Amino acid sequence: MKRLCALILLCCLLLTGCGGDKVKESYQKFADGLNARTDLRFTAELRAEYEDKSCEFTLQYSEDSRGCTVEVLSPGLIKGVKARLEADSSSLEYSGVMLETGELDRYGLTPMSALPALVKALREGHMDSCWTEGDSTVLRLIAEDTLTADVWMDGESMIPRRAELISDGQVRVFCTISDWN
């Protein structure tokens, strides 16, 4: 009986490894394609988790050859605020109004920097592990020493559908992604 259990566990382990290689190849193909792009656009429903509160935003990420822009679509009070990040500079614009959302962790993660951090993780992150949930393949990407991203990819197309940004062992940002193109 013990030998049978050991054989079954060994088979499960081998089957899991085979699936992992296929996912790694699919992710690498996705990351290579993303790195080759000079444009990217998507919308995200984002929930930022502070120590004492949660805030929700709808943000649009757009990227061109010069850099990226994150624009607030909601809440309505700050709709239209844009953060522009370029290789050598960043700016926040909205009719002369300054917006301070505060940092989500001690490393400087903010709601406006979350989507660029996610895209960087998708492009450059090390895939630490993967698993399936329903029709999704979930990737755990180590973006940098201080940030991990769990990303739910569509199982067929490998398009990101949902993500969580984790810092200091705590989920700081939850986002649902739509209109990826």
C-alpha atoms as a PDB file:
ATOM      1  CA  MET A   1       0.000   0.000   0.000  1.00  0.00           C
ATOM      2  CA  LYS A   2       2.840   2.408   0.866  1.00  0.00           C
ATOM      3  CA  ARG A   3       4.518   1.658  -2.452  1.00  0.00           C
ATOM      4  CA  LEU A   4       1.282   2.396  -4.330  1.00  0.00           C
ATOM      5  CA  CYS A   5       0.874   5.743  -2.537  1.00  0.00           C
ATOM      6  CA  ALA A   6       4.498   6.636  -3.252  1.00  0.00           C
ATOM      7  CA  LEU A   7       4.057   5.713  -6.932  1.00  0.00           C
ATOM      8  CA  ILE A   8       0.897   7.830  -7.208  1.00  0.00           C
ATOM      9  CA  LEU A   9       2.636  10.820  -5.564  1.00  0.00           C
ATOM     10  CA  LEU A  10       5.615  10.438  -7.894  1.00  0.00           C
ATOM     11  CA  CYS A  11       3.323  10.364 -10.952  1.00  0.00           C
ATOM     12  CA  CYS A  12       1.509  13.490  -9.733  1.00  0.00           C
ATOM     13  CA  LEU A  13       4.832  15.250  -9.221  1.00  0.00           C
ATOM     14  CA  LEU A  14       6.033  14.333 -12.717  1.00  0.00           C
ATOM     15  CA  LEU A  15       2.762  15.451 -14.314  1.00  0.00           C
ATOM     16  CA  THR A  16       2.894  18.760 -12.472  1.00  0.00           C
ATOM     17  CA  GLY A  17       6.418  19.401 -13.723  1.00  0.00           C
ATOM     18  CA  CYS A  18       5.399  18.802 -17.329  1.00  0.00           C
ATOM     19  CA  GLY A  19       2.578  21.331 -17.087  1.00  0.00           C
ATOM     20  CA  GLY A  20       4.913  23.831 -15.454  1.00  0.00           C
ATOM     21  CA  ASP A  21       7.306  23.733 -18.409  1.00  0.00           C
ATOM     22  CA  LYS A  22       4.447  24.430 -20.820  1.00  0.00           C
ATOM     23  CA  VAL A  23       3.297  27.373 -18.698  1.00  0.00           C
ATOM     24  CA  LYS A  24       6.862  28.723 -18.502  1.00  0.00           C
ATOM     25  CA  GLU A  25       7.134  28.551 -22.294  1.00  0.00           C
ATOM     26  CA  SER A  26       3.753  30.278 -22.724  1.00  0.00           C
ATOM     27  CA  TYR A  27       4.689  32.985 -20.239  1.00  0.00           C
ATOM     28  CA  GLN A  28       8.085  33.532 -21.879  1.00  0.00           C
ATOM     29  CA  LYS A  29       6.399  33.874 -25.278  1.00  0.00           C
ATOM     30  CA  PHE A  30       3.945  36.388 -23.756  1.00  0.00           C
ATOM     31  CA  ALA A  31       6.770  38.373 -22.048  1.00  0.00           C
ATOM     32  CA  ASP A  32       8.865  38.403 -25.236  1.00  0.00           C
ATOM     33  CA  GLY A  33       5.876  39.716 -27.195  1.00  0.00           C
ATOM     34  CA  LEU A  34       5.205  42.347 -24.528  1.00  0.00           C
ATOM     35  CA  ASN A  35       8.854  43.444 -24.573  1.00  0.00           C
ATOM     36  CA  ALA A  36       8.749  43.801 -28.362  1.00  0.00           C
ATOM     37  CA  ARG A  37       5.725  46.104 -28.248  1.00  0.00           C
ATOM     38  CA  THR A  38       5.995  49.871 -28.416  1.00  0.00           C
ATOM     39  CA  ASP A  39       2.372  50.413 -27.442  1.00  0.00           C
ATOM     40  CA  LEU A  40       0.078  48.952 -24.810  1.00  0.00           C
ATOM     41  CA  ARG A  41      -3.298  49.946 -23.433  1.00  0.00           C
ATOM     42  CA  PHE A  42      -5.623  48.514 -20.788  1.00  0.00           C
ATOM     43  CA  THR A  43      -8.084  49.498 -18.068  1.00  0.00           C
ATOM     44  CA  ALA A  44      -7.965  48.288 -14.471  1.00  0.00           C
ATOM     45  CA  GLU A  45     -10.413  48.394 -11.581  1.00  0.00           C
ATOM     46  CA  LEU A  46      -7.966  48.829  -8.718  1.00  0.00           C
ATOM     47  CA  ARG A  47      -8.357  48.549  -4.953  1.00  0.00           C
ATOM     48  CA  ALA A  48      -5.477  49.955  -2.936  1.00  0.00           C
ATOM     49  CA  GLU A  49      -5.015  48.631   0.605  1.00  0.00           C
ATOM     50  CA  TYR A  50      -3.537  51.104   3.077  1.00  0.00           C
ATOM     51  CA  GLU A  51      -2.890  50.306   6.732  1.00  0.00           C
ATOM     52  CA  ASP A  52      -6.136  51.981   7.830  1.00  0.00           C
ATOM     53  CA  LYS A  53      -8.343  52.175   4.715  1.00  0.00           C
ATOM     54  CA  SER A  54      -9.080  50.911   1.214  1.00  0.00           C
ATOM     55  CA  CYS A  55      -9.510  53.113  -1.861  1.00  0.00           C
ATOM     56  CA  GLU A  56     -10.937  52.151  -5.230  1.00  0.00           C
ATOM     57  CA  PHE A  57      -9.966  53.584  -8.593  1.00  0.00           C
ATOM     58  CA  THR A  58     -10.564  52.889 -12.252  1.00  0.00           C
ATOM     59  CA  LEU A  59      -7.342  53.587 -14.113  1.00  0.00           C
ATOM     60  CA  GLN A  60      -6.339  53.496 -17.754  1.00  0.00           C
ATOM     61  CA  TYR A  61      -2.766  52.548 -18.635  1.00  0.00           C
ATOM     62  CA  SER A  62      -1.358  53.560 -21.987  1.00  0.00           C
ATOM     63  CA  GLU A  63       2.173  53.240 -23.252  1.00  0.00           C
ATOM     64  CA  ASP A  64       4.052  54.477 -26.277  1.00  0.00           C
ATOM     65  CA  SER A  65       7.695  54.586 -27.319  1.00  0.00           C
ATOM     66  CA  ARG A  66       8.436  57.527 -24.950  1.00  0.00           C
ATOM     67  CA  GLY A  67       6.908  56.125 -21.747  1.00  0.00           C
ATOM     68  CA  CYS A  68       3.583  55.443 -20.081  1.00  0.00           C
ATOM     69  CA  THR A  69       0.573  57.358 -18.803  1.00  0.00           C
ATOM     70  CA  VAL A  70      -1.823  56.312 -16.061  1.00  0.00           C
ATOM     71  CA  GLU A  71      -5.113  58.226 -16.122  1.00  0.00           C
ATOM     72  CA  VAL A  72      -7.802  58.198 -13.435  1.00  0.00           C
ATOM     73  CA  LEU A  73     -11.238  57.353 -14.883  1.00  0.00           C
ATOM     74  CA  SER A  74     -12.937  57.193 -11.479  1.00  0.00           C
ATOM     75  CA  PRO A  75     -13.724  58.318  -8.840  1.00  0.00           C
ATOM     76  CA  GLY A  76     -15.266  61.316 -10.574  1.00  0.00           C
ATOM     77  CA  LEU A  77     -13.732  63.841  -8.188  1.00  0.00           C
ATOM     78  CA  ILE A  78     -10.248  63.152  -9.582  1.00  0.00           C
ATOM     79  CA  LYS A  79     -11.241  61.940 -13.066  1.00  0.00           C
ATOM     80  CA  GLY A  80      -8.701  63.072 -15.640  1.00  0.00           C
ATOM     81  CA  VAL A  81      -5.663  63.175 -13.348  1.00  0.00           C
ATOM     82  CA  LYS A  82      -2.724  61.740 -15.292  1.00  0.00           C
ATOM     83  CA  ALA A  83       0.680  60.507 -14.268  1.00  0.00           C
ATOM     84  CA  ARG A  84       3.215  60.482 -17.094  1.00  0.00           C
ATOM     85  CA  LEU A  85       6.332  58.340 -16.635  1.00  0.00           C
ATOM     86  CA  GLU A  86       9.194  58.600 -19.096  1.00  0.00           C
ATOM     87  CA  ALA A  87      12.679  57.136 -19.034  1.00  0.00           C
ATOM     88  CA  ASP A  88      14.189  60.214 -17.367  1.00  0.00           C
ATOM     89  CA  SER A  89      11.216  61.982 -15.752  1.00  0.00           C
ATOM     90  CA  SER A  90       7.731  61.704 -14.324  1.00  0.00           C
ATOM     91  CA  SER A  91       4.914  64.212 -13.964  1.00  0.00           C
ATOM     92  CA  LEU A  92       1.420  64.466 -12.516  1.00  0.00           C
ATOM     93  CA  GLU A  93      -1.003  66.719 -14.345  1.00  0.00           C
ATOM     94  CA  TYR A  94      -4.518  68.013 -13.937  1.00  0.00           C
ATOM     95  CA  SER A  95      -5.216  71.710 -14.374  1.00  0.00           C
ATOM     96  CA  GLY A  96      -2.583  72.643 -11.811  1.00  0.00           C
ATOM     97  CA  VAL A  97      -4.055  70.392  -9.082  1.00  0.00           C
ATOM     98  CA  MET A  98      -1.686  68.213  -7.034  1.00  0.00           C
ATOM     99  CA  LEU A  99      -2.913  64.788  -5.950  1.00  0.00           C
ATOM    100  CA  GLU A 100      -1.390  62.940  -3.004  1.00  0.00           C
ATOM    101  CA  THR A 101      -2.675  59.375  -2.662  1.00  0.00           C
ATOM    102  CA  GLY A 102      -0.040  58.233  -0.192  1.00  0.00           C
ATOM    103  CA  GLU A 103       2.239  55.234  -0.291  1.00  0.00           C
ATOM    104  CA  LEU A 104       0.971  51.681   0.165  1.00  0.00           C
ATOM    105  CA  ASP A 105       4.286  50.351   1.469  1.00  0.00           C
ATOM    106  CA  ARG A 106       7.635  51.604   2.644  1.00  0.00           C
ATOM    107  CA  TYR A 107       9.120  51.140  -0.835  1.00  0.00           C
ATOM    108  CA  GLY A 108       7.022  53.805  -2.574  1.00  0.00           C
ATOM    109  CA  LEU A 109       4.228  51.770  -4.185  1.00  0.00           C
ATOM    110  CA  THR A 110       1.212  54.031  -4.867  1.00  0.00           C
ATOM    111  CA  PRO A 111      -2.074  53.514  -6.719  1.00  0.00           C
ATOM    112  CA  MET A 112      -0.680  55.515  -9.663  1.00  0.00           C
ATOM    113  CA  SER A 113       2.558  53.481  -9.784  1.00  0.00           C
ATOM    114  CA  ALA A 114       0.825  50.094  -9.416  1.00  0.00           C
ATOM    115  CA  LEU A 115       0.039  49.531 -13.100  1.00  0.00           C
ATOM    116  CA  PRO A 116       3.547  50.445 -14.327  1.00  0.00           C
ATOM    117  CA  ALA A 117       4.896  48.095 -11.621  1.00  0.00           C
ATOM    118  CA  LEU A 118       2.580  45.338 -12.867  1.00  0.00           C
ATOM    119  CA  VAL A 119       3.674  45.808 -16.485  1.00  0.00           C
ATOM    120  CA  LYS A 120       7.322  45.748 -15.395  1.00  0.00           C
ATOM    121  CA  ALA A 121       6.667  42.487 -13.513  1.00  0.00           C
ATOM    122  CA  LEU A 122       5.029  40.984 -16.607  1.00  0.00           C
ATOM    123  CA  ARG A 123       7.993  42.011 -18.753  1.00  0.00           C
ATOM    124  CA  GLU A 124      10.919  41.306 -16.459  1.00  0.00           C
ATOM    125  CA  GLY A 125       9.657  39.267 -13.521  1.00  0.00           C
ATOM    126  CA  HIS A 126      11.007  35.869 -12.588  1.00  0.00           C
ATOM    127  CA  MET A 127       8.246  33.224 -12.590  1.00  0.00           C
ATOM    128  CA  ASP A 128       8.535  31.697  -9.132  1.00  0.00           C
ATOM    129  CA  SER A 129       5.533  29.363  -9.414  1.00  0.00           C
ATOM    130  CA  CYS A 130       2.314  28.742 -11.311  1.00  0.00           C
ATOM    131  CA  TRP A 131      -0.990  26.968 -10.818  1.00  0.00           C
ATOM    132  CA  THR A 132      -4.451  26.803 -12.355  1.00  0.00           C
ATOM    133  CA  GLU A 133      -7.710  28.156 -10.988  1.00  0.00           C
ATOM    134  CA  GLY A 134     -10.695  27.354 -13.168  1.00  0.00           C
ATOM    135  CA  ASP A 135      -9.936  28.618 -16.691  1.00  0.00           C
ATOM    136  CA  SER A 136      -7.029  30.769 -15.499  1.00  0.00           C
ATOM    137  CA  THR A 137      -3.333  30.127 -15.174  1.00  0.00           C
ATOM    138  CA  VAL A 138      -1.952  31.980 -12.164  1.00  0.00           C
ATOM    139  CA  LEU A 139       1.655  33.143 -12.252  1.00  0.00           C
ATOM    140  CA  ARG A 140       3.624  34.275  -9.217  1.00  0.00           C
ATOM    141  CA  LEU A 141       6.166  36.744 -10.562  1.00  0.00           C
ATOM    142  CA  ILE A 142       9.014  38.111  -8.489  1.00  0.00           C
ATOM    143  CA  ALA A 143       9.213  41.649  -9.827  1.00  0.00           C
ATOM    144  CA  GLU A 144      11.986  42.836  -7.524  1.00  0.00           C
ATOM    145  CA  ASP A 145      13.184  42.158  -4.003  1.00  0.00           C
ATOM    146  CA  THR A 146      10.327  44.166  -2.521  1.00  0.00           C
ATOM    147  CA  LEU A 147       7.433  43.294  -4.855  1.00  0.00           C
ATOM    148  CA  THR A 148       5.690  40.108  -5.979  1.00  0.00           C
ATOM    149  CA  ALA A 149       2.825  39.954  -8.474  1.00  0.00           C
ATOM    150  CA  ASP A 150       0.250  37.162  -8.664  1.00  0.00           C
ATOM    151  CA  VAL A 151      -1.311  37.404 -12.129  1.00  0.00           C
ATOM    152  CA  TRP A 152      -4.360  35.474 -13.357  1.00  0.00           C
ATOM    153  CA  MET A 153      -3.871  34.893 -17.079  1.00  0.00           C
ATOM    154  CA  ASP A 154      -6.532  33.630 -19.448  1.00  0.00           C
ATOM    155  CA  GLY A 155      -5.657  29.960 -19.922  1.00  0.00           C
ATOM    156  CA  GLU A 156      -6.015  30.080 -23.713  1.00  0.00           C
ATOM    157  CA  SER A 157      -4.693  33.491 -24.730  1.00  0.00           C
ATOM    158  CA  MET A 158      -2.368  34.232 -21.772  1.00  0.00           C
ATOM    159  CA  ILE A 159      -3.905  37.706 -21.481  1.00  0.00           C
ATOM    160  CA  PRO A 160      -3.816  39.127 -17.938  1.00  0.00           C
ATOM    161  CA  ARG A 161      -7.279  39.303 -16.341  1.00  0.00           C
ATOM    162  CA  ARG A 162      -6.543  39.967 -12.676  1.00  0.00           C
ATOM    163  CA  ALA A 163      -3.536  40.729 -10.487  1.00  0.00           C
ATOM    164  CA  GLU A 164      -2.448  41.237  -6.902  1.00  0.00           C
ATOM    165  CA  LEU A 165       0.669  43.181  -5.956  1.00  0.00           C
ATOM    166  CA  ILE A 166       2.260  41.915  -2.755  1.00  0.00           C
ATOM    167  CA  SER A 167       4.767  43.766  -0.601  1.00  0.00           C
ATOM    168  CA  ASP A 168       6.089  42.670   2.805  1.00  0.00           C
ATOM    169  CA  GLY A 169       3.885  39.561   2.587  1.00  0.00           C
ATOM    170  CA  GLN A 170       0.691  41.608   2.310  1.00  0.00           C
ATOM    171  CA  VAL A 171      -1.505  42.224  -0.743  1.00  0.00           C
ATOM    172  CA  ARG A 172      -1.355  45.993  -1.299  1.00  0.00           C
ATOM    173  CA  VAL A 173      -3.169  46.206  -4.649  1.00  0.00           C
ATOM    174  CA  PHE A 174      -5.975  44.134  -6.149  1.00  0.00           C
ATOM    175  CA  CYS A 175      -6.871  44.818  -9.770  1.00  0.00           C
ATOM    176  CA  THR A 176      -9.187  43.471 -12.429  1.00  0.00           C
ATOM    177  CA  ILE A 177      -7.891  44.077 -15.936  1.00  0.00           C
ATOM    178  CA  SER A 178      -9.995  44.699 -19.033  1.00  0.00           C
ATOM    179  CA  ASP A 179      -9.488  45.919 -22.595  1.00  0.00           C
ATOM    180  CA  TRP A 180      -5.938  44.560 -22.828  1.00  0.00           C
ATOM    181  CA  ASN A 181      -4.544  45.401 -26.246  1.00  0.00           C
END
